Each structure stands twice: as structure tokens, then as C-alpha cells.
Amino acid sequence: MTPGQFKDLLNLVEQDITKETTNMREPIDAAQCLFVTFMFLATGDSVRILAMFFRSAYCQVFTSVRFSLLIKLSDHMLCDQLLAR
């Protein structure tokens, strides 16, 4: 994946996966969430191994990022199919 493709996908899902800052902690950056999700999908490593590697709890992140990618990309592909007709 090229950096341009990563930025395109980030722009597509960033609004959905960005969390609010609270008094308790800073949220994980949207770009890092997307990157770690791609690492998870590409390597097949367990969530626990990636969480230790990145020193963070990503279990809930994977679910929200994958769901957002699925929705956004399916909408994007459907629009492309409709425009091609």
C-alpha cells in the first residue's frame, strides 16, 4: 500500500474512528488505529501480540475500524458500480 492510498483510506474513515479526548486519557490517533488494524489483518498476529507491541489496548479499536472500513468501502464500491452503468 502506498502512502497516498493510506491517506485516502484514512480520509474515508477518520471521522468515524476518531475518539474524543477525556480527562482520563488521550485517545489513540486515527492514523495509528488504521495502521494497527492493517497490521492485524495483514500479519494474522493475535490482538494480544499487537497490543503488547504497540503498548496499548486495541481490542475495541479493531472492531470499530474494520466496521467503518467495511461500511465506507462498500458504499464507495456501490457508487462506482452505479456510475459505471
PDB file of N, CA and C in Angstrom:
ATOM      1  N   MET A   1       0.853  -1.167   0.000  1.00  0.00           N
ATOM      2  CA  MET A   1       0.000   0.000   0.000  1.00  0.00           C
ATOM      3  C   MET A   1       0.904   1.237   0.000  1.00  0.00           C
ATOM      4  N   THR A   2       0.586   2.168  -0.856  1.00  0.00           N
ATOM      5  CA  THR A   2       1.374   3.393  -0.927  1.00  0.00           C
ATOM      6  C   THR A   2       0.899   4.376   0.147  1.00  0.00           C
ATOM      7  N   PRO A   3       1.739   5.354   0.505  1.00  0.00           N
ATOM      8  CA  PRO A   3       1.301   6.364   1.470  1.00  0.00           C
ATOM      9  C   PRO A   3       0.060   7.124   1.000  1.00  0.00           C
ATOM     10  N   GLY A   4      -0.052   7.344  -0.297  1.00  0.00           N
ATOM     11  CA  GLY A   4      -1.227   8.031  -0.832  1.00  0.00           C
ATOM     12  C   GLY A   4      -2.503   7.223  -0.637  1.00  0.00           C
ATOM     13  N   GLN A   5      -2.402   5.910  -0.851  1.00  0.00           N
ATOM     14  CA  GLN A   5      -3.561   5.041  -0.638  1.00  0.00           C
ATOM     15  C   GLN A   5      -3.957   5.014   0.836  1.00  0.00           C
ATOM     16  N   PHE A   6      -2.952   4.982   1.713  1.00  0.00           N
ATOM     17  CA  PHE A   6      -3.233   5.002   3.149  1.00  0.00           C
ATOM     18  C   PHE A   6      -3.955   6.291   3.530  1.00  0.00           C
ATOM     19  N   LYS A   7      -3.486   7.420   3.009  1.00  0.00           N
ATOM     20  CA  LYS A   7      -4.125   8.702   3.316  1.00  0.00           C
ATOM     21  C   LYS A   7      -5.554   8.752   2.783  1.00  0.00           C
ATOM     22  N   ASP A   8      -5.770   8.183   1.603  1.00  0.00           N
ATOM     23  CA  ASP A   8      -7.123   8.140   1.043  1.00  0.00           C
ATOM     24  C   ASP A   8      -8.063   7.343   1.945  1.00  0.00           C
ATOM     25  N   LEU A   9      -7.605   6.175   2.399  1.00  0.00           N
ATOM     26  CA  LEU A   9      -8.430   5.364   3.290  1.00  0.00           C
ATOM     27  C   LEU A   9      -8.629   6.047   4.641  1.00  0.00           C
ATOM     28  N   LEU A  10      -7.584   6.708   5.131  1.00  0.00           N
ATOM     29  CA  LEU A  10      -7.700   7.432   6.400  1.00  0.00           C
ATOM     30  C   LEU A  10      -8.727   8.552   6.280  1.00  0.00           C
ATOM     31  N   ASN A  11      -8.681   9.292   5.191  1.00  0.00           N
ATOM     32  CA  ASN A  11      -9.664  10.358   4.982  1.00  0.00           C
ATOM     33  C   ASN A  11     -11.083   9.808   4.910  1.00  0.00           C
ATOM     34  N   LEU A  12     -11.216   8.602   4.396  1.00  0.00           N
ATOM     35  CA  LEU A  12     -12.524   7.977   4.256  1.00  0.00           C
ATOM     36  C   LEU A  12     -13.136   7.595   5.605  1.00  0.00           C
ATOM     37  N   VAL A  13     -12.308   7.110   6.539  1.00  0.00           N
ATOM     38  CA  VAL A  13     -12.836   6.599   7.809  1.00  0.00           C
ATOM     39  C   VAL A  13     -12.469   7.425   9.032  1.00  0.00           C
ATOM     40  N   GLU A  14     -11.679   8.452   8.865  1.00  0.00           N
ATOM     41  CA  GLU A  14     -11.153   9.194  10.013  1.00  0.00           C
ATOM     42  C   GLU A  14     -12.252   9.743  10.922  1.00  0.00           C
ATOM     43  N   GLN A  15     -13.287  10.277  10.352  1.00  0.00           N
ATOM     44  CA  GLN A  15     -14.361  10.862  11.155  1.00  0.00           C
ATOM     45  C   GLN A  15     -15.053   9.801  12.017  1.00  0.00           C
ATOM     46  N   ASP A  16     -15.169   8.594  11.492  1.00  0.00           N
ATOM     47  CA  ASP A  16     -15.842   7.518  12.219  1.00  0.00           C
ATOM     48  C   ASP A  16     -14.993   6.933  13.340  1.00  0.00           C
ATOM     49  N   ILE A  17     -13.682   6.909  13.172  1.00  0.00           N
ATOM     50  CA  ILE A  17     -12.836   6.222  14.152  1.00  0.00           C
ATOM     51  C   ILE A  17     -12.135   7.160  15.123  1.00  0.00           C
ATOM     52  N   THR A  18     -12.283   8.472  14.961  1.00  0.00           N
ATOM     53  CA  THR A  18     -11.667   9.421  15.878  1.00  0.00           C
ATOM     54  C   THR A  18     -12.483   9.496  17.156  1.00  0.00           C
ATOM     55  N   LYS A  19     -11.822   9.342  18.280  1.00  0.00           N
ATOM     56  CA  LYS A  19     -12.472   9.390  19.588  1.00  0.00           C
ATOM     57  C   LYS A  19     -12.206  10.734  20.263  1.00  0.00           C
ATOM     58  N   GLU A  20     -13.042  11.074  21.227  1.00  0.00           N
ATOM     59  CA  GLU A  20     -12.897  12.336  21.956  1.00  0.00           C
ATOM     60  C   GLU A  20     -11.863  12.196  23.070  1.00  0.00           C
ATOM     61  N   THR A  21     -11.183  13.299  23.370  1.00  0.00           N
ATOM     62  CA  THR A  21     -10.264  13.342  24.485  1.00  0.00           C
ATOM     63  C   THR A  21     -11.063  13.473  25.778  1.00  0.00           C
ATOM     64  N   THR A  22     -10.688  12.704  26.788  1.00  0.00           N
ATOM     65  CA  THR A  22     -11.351  12.779  28.083  1.00  0.00           C
ATOM     66  C   THR A  22     -10.334  13.168  29.148  1.00  0.00           C
ATOM     67  N   ASN A  23     -10.829  13.374  30.364  1.00  0.00           N
ATOM     68  CA  ASN A  23      -9.928  13.690  31.476  1.00  0.00           C
ATOM     69  C   ASN A  23      -9.068  12.487  31.871  1.00  0.00           C
ATOM     70  N   MET A  24      -9.523  11.320  31.522  1.00  0.00           N
ATOM     71  CA  MET A  24      -8.823  10.097  31.918  1.00  0.00           C
ATOM     72  C   MET A  24      -7.623   9.770  31.037  1.00  0.00           C
ATOM     73  N   ARG A  25      -7.770   9.982  29.707  1.00  0.00           N
ATOM     74  CA  ARG A  25      -6.672   9.612  28.805  1.00  0.00           C
ATOM     75  C   ARG A  25      -6.850  10.256  27.436  1.00  0.00           C
ATOM     76  N   GLU A  26      -5.741  10.261  26.707  1.00  0.00           N
ATOM     77  CA  GLU A  26      -5.749  10.738  25.332  1.00  0.00           C
ATOM     78  C   GLU A  26      -6.203   9.584  24.430  1.00  0.00           C
ATOM     79  N   PRO A  27      -7.009   9.867  23.425  1.00  0.00           N
ATOM     80  CA  PRO A  27      -7.425   8.795  22.510  1.00  0.00           C
ATOM     81  C   PRO A  27      -6.281   8.381  21.588  1.00  0.00           C
ATOM     82  N   ILE A  28      -6.404   7.190  21.053  1.00  0.00           N
ATOM     83  CA  ILE A  28      -5.433   6.701  20.074  1.00  0.00           C
ATOM     84  C   ILE A  28      -5.692   7.433  18.766  1.00  0.00           C
ATOM     85  N   ASP A  29      -4.638   7.914  18.143  1.00  0.00           N
ATOM     86  CA  ASP A  29      -4.727   8.653  16.888  1.00  0.00           C
ATOM     87  C   ASP A  29      -5.379   7.788  15.804  1.00  0.00           C
ATOM     88  N   ALA A  30      -6.214   8.409  14.971  1.00  0.00           N
ATOM     89  CA  ALA A  30      -6.934   7.679  13.924  1.00  0.00           C
ATOM     90  C   ALA A  30      -5.968   7.001  12.953  1.00  0.00           C
ATOM     91  N   ALA A  31      -4.878   7.651  12.604  1.00  0.00           N
ATOM     92  CA  ALA A  31      -3.899   7.054  11.686  1.00  0.00           C
ATOM     93  C   ALA A  31      -3.262   5.820  12.313  1.00  0.00           C
ATOM     94  N   GLN A  32      -2.971   5.878  13.609  1.00  0.00           N
ATOM     95  CA  GLN A  32      -2.374   4.729  14.284  1.00  0.00           C
ATOM     96  C   GLN A  32      -3.380   3.585  14.388  1.00  0.00           C
ATOM     97  N   CYS A  33      -4.643   3.902  14.642  1.00  0.00           N
ATOM     98  CA  CYS A  33      -5.683   2.866  14.678  1.00  0.00           C
ATOM     99  C   CYS A  33      -5.778   2.149  13.340  1.00  0.00           C
ATOM    100  N   LEU A  34      -5.775   2.905  12.266  1.00  0.00           N
ATOM    101  CA  LEU A  34      -5.869   2.313  10.936  1.00  0.00           C
ATOM    102  C   LEU A  34      -4.632   1.470  10.624  1.00  0.00           C
ATOM    103  N   PHE A  35      -3.461   1.985  10.982  1.00  0.00           N
ATOM    104  CA  PHE A  35      -2.211   1.266  10.741  1.00  0.00           C
ATOM    105  C   PHE A  35      -2.187  -0.063  11.486  1.00  0.00           C
ATOM    106  N   VAL A  36      -2.542  -0.038  12.753  1.00  0.00           N
ATOM    107  CA  VAL A  36      -2.511  -1.260  13.552  1.00  0.00           C
ATOM    108  C   VAL A  36      -3.557  -2.259  13.053  1.00  0.00           C
ATOM    109  N   THR A  37      -4.706  -1.760  12.609  1.00  0.00           N
ATOM    110  CA  THR A  37      -5.718  -2.655  12.047  1.00  0.00           C
ATOM    111  C   THR A  37      -5.196  -3.332  10.782  1.00  0.00           C
ATOM    112  N   PHE A  38      -4.503  -2.585   9.930  1.00  0.00           N
ATOM    113  CA  PHE A  38      -3.909  -3.192   8.735  1.00  0.00           C
ATOM    114  C   PHE A  38      -2.829  -4.204   9.105  1.00  0.00           C
ATOM    115  N   MET A  39      -2.048  -3.901  10.139  1.00  0.00           N
ATOM    116  CA  MET A  39      -1.040  -4.860  10.613  1.00  0.00           C
ATOM    117  C   MET A  39      -1.720  -6.144  11.074  1.00  0.00           C
ATOM    118  N   PHE A  40      -2.819  -6.002  11.809  1.00  0.00           N
ATOM    119  CA  PHE A  40      -3.566  -7.157  12.302  1.00  0.00           C
ATOM    120  C   PHE A  40      -4.101  -7.992  11.144  1.00  0.00           C
ATOM    121  N   LEU A  41      -4.689  -7.333  10.163  1.00  0.00           N
ATOM    122  CA  LEU A  41      -5.271  -8.051   9.028  1.00  0.00           C
ATOM    123  C   LEU A  41      -4.201  -8.672   8.130  1.00  0.00           C
ATOM    124  N   ALA A  42      -3.069  -7.998   7.989  1.00  0.00           N
ATOM    125  CA  ALA A  42      -2.031  -8.468   7.069  1.00  0.00           C
ATOM    126  C   ALA A  42      -1.179  -9.583   7.658  1.00  0.00           C
ATOM    127  N   THR A  43      -0.874  -9.510   8.956  1.00  0.00           N
ATOM    128  CA  THR A  43       0.061 -10.472   9.540  1.00  0.00           C
ATOM    129  C   THR A  43      -0.616 -11.696  10.125  1.00  0.00           C
ATOM    130  N   GLY A  44      -1.855 -11.552  10.547  1.00  0.00           N
ATOM    131  CA  GLY A  44      -2.528 -12.667  11.195  1.00  0.00           C
ATOM    132  C   GLY A  44      -2.126 -12.842  12.644  1.00  0.00           C
ATOM    133  N   ASP A  45      -1.345 -11.898  13.178  1.00  0.00           N
ATOM    134  CA  ASP A  45      -0.976 -11.947  14.587  1.00  0.00           C
ATOM    135  C   ASP A  45      -2.217 -11.781  15.450  1.00  0.00           C
ATOM    136  N   SER A  46      -2.122 -12.211  16.687  1.00  0.00           N
ATOM    137  CA  SER A  46      -3.250 -12.052  17.591  1.00  0.00           C
ATOM    138  C   SER A  46      -3.339 -10.606  18.066  1.00  0.00           C
ATOM    139  N   VAL A  47      -4.505 -10.248  18.523  1.00  0.00           N
ATOM    140  CA  VAL A  47      -4.724  -8.895  19.047  1.00  0.00           C
ATOM    141  C   VAL A  47      -3.820  -8.663  20.250  1.00  0.00           C
ATOM    142  N   ARG A  48      -3.631  -9.679  21.070  1.00  0.00           N
ATOM    143  CA  ARG A  48      -2.797  -9.558  22.270  1.00  0.00           C
ATOM    144  C   ARG A  48      -1.352  -9.232  21.914  1.00  0.00           C
ATOM    145  N   ILE A  49      -0.815  -9.881  20.887  1.00  0.00           N
ATOM    146  CA  ILE A  49       0.570  -9.624  20.474  1.00  0.00           C
ATOM    147  C   ILE A  49       0.720  -8.190  19.968  1.00  0.00           C
ATOM    148  N   LEU A  50      -0.219  -7.746  19.136  1.00  0.00           N
ATOM    149  CA  LEU A  50      -0.140  -6.377  18.632  1.00  0.00           C
ATOM    150  C   LEU A  50      -0.336  -5.358  19.753  1.00  0.00           C
ATOM    151  N   ALA A  51      -1.206  -5.655  20.717  1.00  0.00           N
ATOM    152  CA  ALA A  51      -1.401  -4.744  21.841  1.00  0.00           C
ATOM    153  C   ALA A  51      -0.121  -4.619  22.659  1.00  0.00           C
ATOM    154  N   MET A  52       0.599  -5.714  22.846  1.00  0.00           N
ATOM    155  CA  MET A  52       1.876  -5.647  23.570  1.00  0.00           C
ATOM    156  C   MET A  52       2.912  -4.892  22.755  1.00  0.00           C
ATOM    157  N   PHE A  53       2.931  -5.123  21.444  1.00  0.00           N
ATOM    158  CA  PHE A  53       3.896  -4.468  20.572  1.00  0.00           C
ATOM    159  C   PHE A  53       3.702  -2.946  20.577  1.00  0.00           C
ATOM    160  N   PHE A  54       2.457  -2.508  20.523  1.00  0.00           N
ATOM    161  CA  PHE A  54       2.172  -1.076  20.488  1.00  0.00           C
ATOM    162  C   PHE A  54       1.891  -0.487  21.869  1.00  0.00           C
ATOM    163  N   ARG A  55       1.955  -1.333  22.899  1.00  0.00           N
ATOM    164  CA  ARG A  55       1.735  -0.902  24.279  1.00  0.00           C
ATOM    165  C   ARG A  55       0.413  -0.170  24.459  1.00  0.00           C
ATOM    166  N   SER A  56      -0.623  -0.759  23.959  1.00  0.00           N
ATOM    167  CA  SER A  56      -1.937  -0.151  24.071  1.00  0.00           C
ATOM    168  C   SER A  56      -3.001  -1.232  23.956  1.00  0.00           C
ATOM    169  N   ALA A  57      -4.214  -0.876  24.356  1.00  0.00           N
ATOM    170  CA  ALA A  57      -5.338  -1.816  24.271  1.00  0.00           C
ATOM    171  C   ALA A  57      -6.104  -1.538  22.988  1.00  0.00           C
ATOM    172  N   TYR A  58      -5.944  -2.408  22.014  1.00  0.00           N
ATOM    173  CA  TYR A  58      -6.542  -2.184  20.705  1.00  0.00           C
ATOM    174  C   TYR A  58      -7.732  -3.087  20.412  1.00  0.00           C
ATOM    175  N   CYS A  59      -8.175  -3.870  21.367  1.00  0.00           N
ATOM    176  CA  CYS A  59      -9.245  -4.835  21.099  1.00  0.00           C
ATOM    177  C   CYS A  59     -10.491  -4.160  20.536  1.00  0.00           C
ATOM    178  N   GLN A  60     -10.938  -3.074  21.142  1.00  0.00           N
ATOM    179  CA  GLN A  60     -12.130  -2.381  20.671  1.00  0.00           C
ATOM    180  C   GLN A  60     -11.851  -1.589  19.401  1.00  0.00           C
ATOM    181  N   VAL A  61     -10.616  -1.168  19.226  1.00  0.00           N
ATOM    182  CA  VAL A  61     -10.237  -0.385  18.053  1.00  0.00           C
ATOM    183  C   VAL A  61     -10.411  -1.208  16.786  1.00  0.00           C
ATOM    184  N   PHE A  62      -9.973  -2.463  16.815  1.00  0.00           N
ATOM    185  CA  PHE A  62     -10.056  -3.304  15.627  1.00  0.00           C
ATOM    186  C   PHE A  62     -11.485  -3.414  15.128  1.00  0.00           C
ATOM    187  N   THR A  63     -12.398  -3.626  16.051  1.00  0.00           N
ATOM    188  CA  THR A  63     -13.792  -3.801  15.668  1.00  0.00           C
ATOM    189  C   THR A  63     -14.349  -2.550  15.022  1.00  0.00           C
ATOM    190  N   SER A  64     -14.113  -1.391  15.628  1.00  0.00           N
ATOM    191  CA  SER A  64     -14.679  -0.152  15.072  1.00  0.00           C
ATOM    192  C   SER A  64     -14.037   0.225  13.742  1.00  0.00           C
ATOM    193  N   VAL A  65     -12.738   0.027  13.612  1.00  0.00           N
ATOM    194  CA  VAL A  65     -12.051   0.375  12.364  1.00  0.00           C
ATOM    195  C   VAL A  65     -12.476  -0.570  11.244  1.00  0.00           C
ATOM    196  N   ARG A  66     -12.538  -1.861  11.524  1.00  0.00           N
ATOM    197  CA  ARG A  66     -12.950  -2.808  10.487  1.00  0.00           C
ATOM    198  C   ARG A  66     -14.391  -2.566  10.052  1.00  0.00           C
ATOM    199  N   PHE A  67     -15.272  -2.273  10.998  1.00  0.00           N
ATOM    200  CA  PHE A  67     -16.665  -1.988  10.660  1.00  0.00           C
ATOM    201  C   PHE A  67     -16.755  -0.733   9.803  1.00  0.00           C
ATOM    202  N   SER A  68     -16.020   0.321  10.185  1.00  0.00           N
ATOM    203  CA  SER A  68     -16.046   1.566   9.428  1.00  0.00           C
ATOM    204  C   SER A  68     -15.500   1.362   8.017  1.00  0.00           C
ATOM    205  N   LEU A  69     -14.400   0.615   7.884  1.00  0.00           N
ATOM    206  CA  LEU A  69     -13.845   0.317   6.563  1.00  0.00           C
ATOM    207  C   LEU A  69     -14.841  -0.455   5.714  1.00  0.00           C
ATOM    208  N   LEU A  70     -15.491  -1.427   6.316  1.00  0.00           N
ATOM    209  CA  LEU A  70     -16.463  -2.227   5.587  1.00  0.00           C
ATOM    210  C   LEU A  70     -17.600  -1.362   5.062  1.00  0.00           C
ATOM    211  N   ILE A  71     -18.154  -0.511   5.901  1.00  0.00           N
ATOM    212  CA  ILE A  71     -19.274   0.347   5.502  1.00  0.00           C
ATOM    213  C   ILE A  71     -18.839   1.345   4.436  1.00  0.00           C
ATOM    214  N   LYS A  72     -17.750   2.049   4.688  1.00  0.00           N
ATOM    215  CA  LYS A  72     -17.306   3.090   3.756  1.00  0.00           C
ATOM    216  C   LYS A  72     -16.887   2.513   2.410  1.00  0.00           C
ATOM    217  N   LEU A  73     -16.145   1.419   2.435  1.00  0.00           N
ATOM    218  CA  LEU A  73     -15.684   0.844   1.173  1.00  0.00           C
ATOM    219  C   LEU A  73     -16.821   0.204   0.394  1.00  0.00           C
ATOM    220  N   SER A  74     -17.778  -0.409   1.088  1.00  0.00           N
ATOM    221  CA  SER A  74     -18.916  -0.979   0.365  1.00  0.00           C
ATOM    222  C   SER A  74     -19.766   0.125  -0.255  1.00  0.00           C
ATOM    223  N   ASP A  75     -19.939   1.251   0.458  1.00  0.00           N
ATOM    224  CA  ASP A  75     -20.647   2.399  -0.119  1.00  0.00           C
ATOM    225  C   ASP A  75     -19.894   2.940  -1.321  1.00  0.00           C
ATOM    226  N   HIS A  76     -18.587   3.040  -1.202  1.00  0.00           N
ATOM    227  CA  HIS A  76     -17.740   3.564  -2.276  1.00  0.00           C
ATOM    228  C   HIS A  76     -17.807   2.657  -3.503  1.00  0.00           C
ATOM    229  N   MET A  77     -17.735   1.362  -3.287  1.00  0.00           N
ATOM    230  CA  MET A  77     -17.779   0.414  -4.410  1.00  0.00           C
ATOM    231  C   MET A  77     -19.157   0.390  -5.053  1.00  0.00           C
ATOM    232  N   LEU A  78     -20.211   0.533  -4.250  1.00  0.00           N
ATOM    233  CA  LEU A  78     -21.565   0.569  -4.790  1.00  0.00           C
ATOM    234  C   LEU A  78     -21.754   1.807  -5.662  1.00  0.00           C
ATOM    235  N   CYS A  79     -21.232   2.945  -5.220  1.00  0.00           N
ATOM    236  CA  CYS A  79     -21.342   4.174  -6.026  1.00  0.00           C
ATOM    237  C   CYS A  79     -20.595   4.018  -7.346  1.00  0.00           C
ATOM    238  N   ASP A  80     -19.411   3.400  -7.298  1.00  0.00           N
ATOM    239  CA  ASP A  80     -18.655   3.180  -8.519  1.00  0.00           C
ATOM    240  C   ASP A  80     -19.420   2.279  -9.488  1.00  0.00           C
ATOM    241  N   GLN A  81     -20.074   1.254  -8.961  1.00  0.00           N
ATOM    242  CA  GLN A  81     -20.842   0.340  -9.803  1.00  0.00           C
ATOM    243  C   GLN A  81     -22.043   1.044 -10.429  1.00  0.00           C
ATOM    244  N   LEU A  82     -22.698   1.901  -9.663  1.00  0.00           N
ATOM    245  CA  LEU A  82     -23.846   2.626 -10.181  1.00  0.00           C
ATOM    246  C   LEU A  82     -23.438   3.643 -11.247  1.00  0.00           C
ATOM    247  N   LEU A  83     -22.280   4.277 -11.055  1.00  0.00           N
ATOM    248  CA  LEU A  83     -21.811   5.262 -12.033  1.00  0.00           C
ATOM    249  C   LEU A  83     -21.347   4.579 -13.325  1.00  0.00           C
ATOM    250  N   ALA A  84     -20.903   3.336 -13.217  1.00  0.00           N
ATOM    251  CA  ALA A  84     -20.422   2.625 -14.406  1.00  0.00           C
ATOM    252  C   ALA A  84     -21.569   2.183 -15.313  1.00  0.00           C
ATOM    253  N   ARG A  85     -22.780   2.157 -14.796  1.00  0.00           N
ATOM    254  CA  ARG A  85     -23.926   1.702 -15.601  1.00  0.00           C
ATOM    255  C   ARG A  85     -24.386   2.720 -16.575  1.00  0.00           C
TER     256      ARG A  85
END
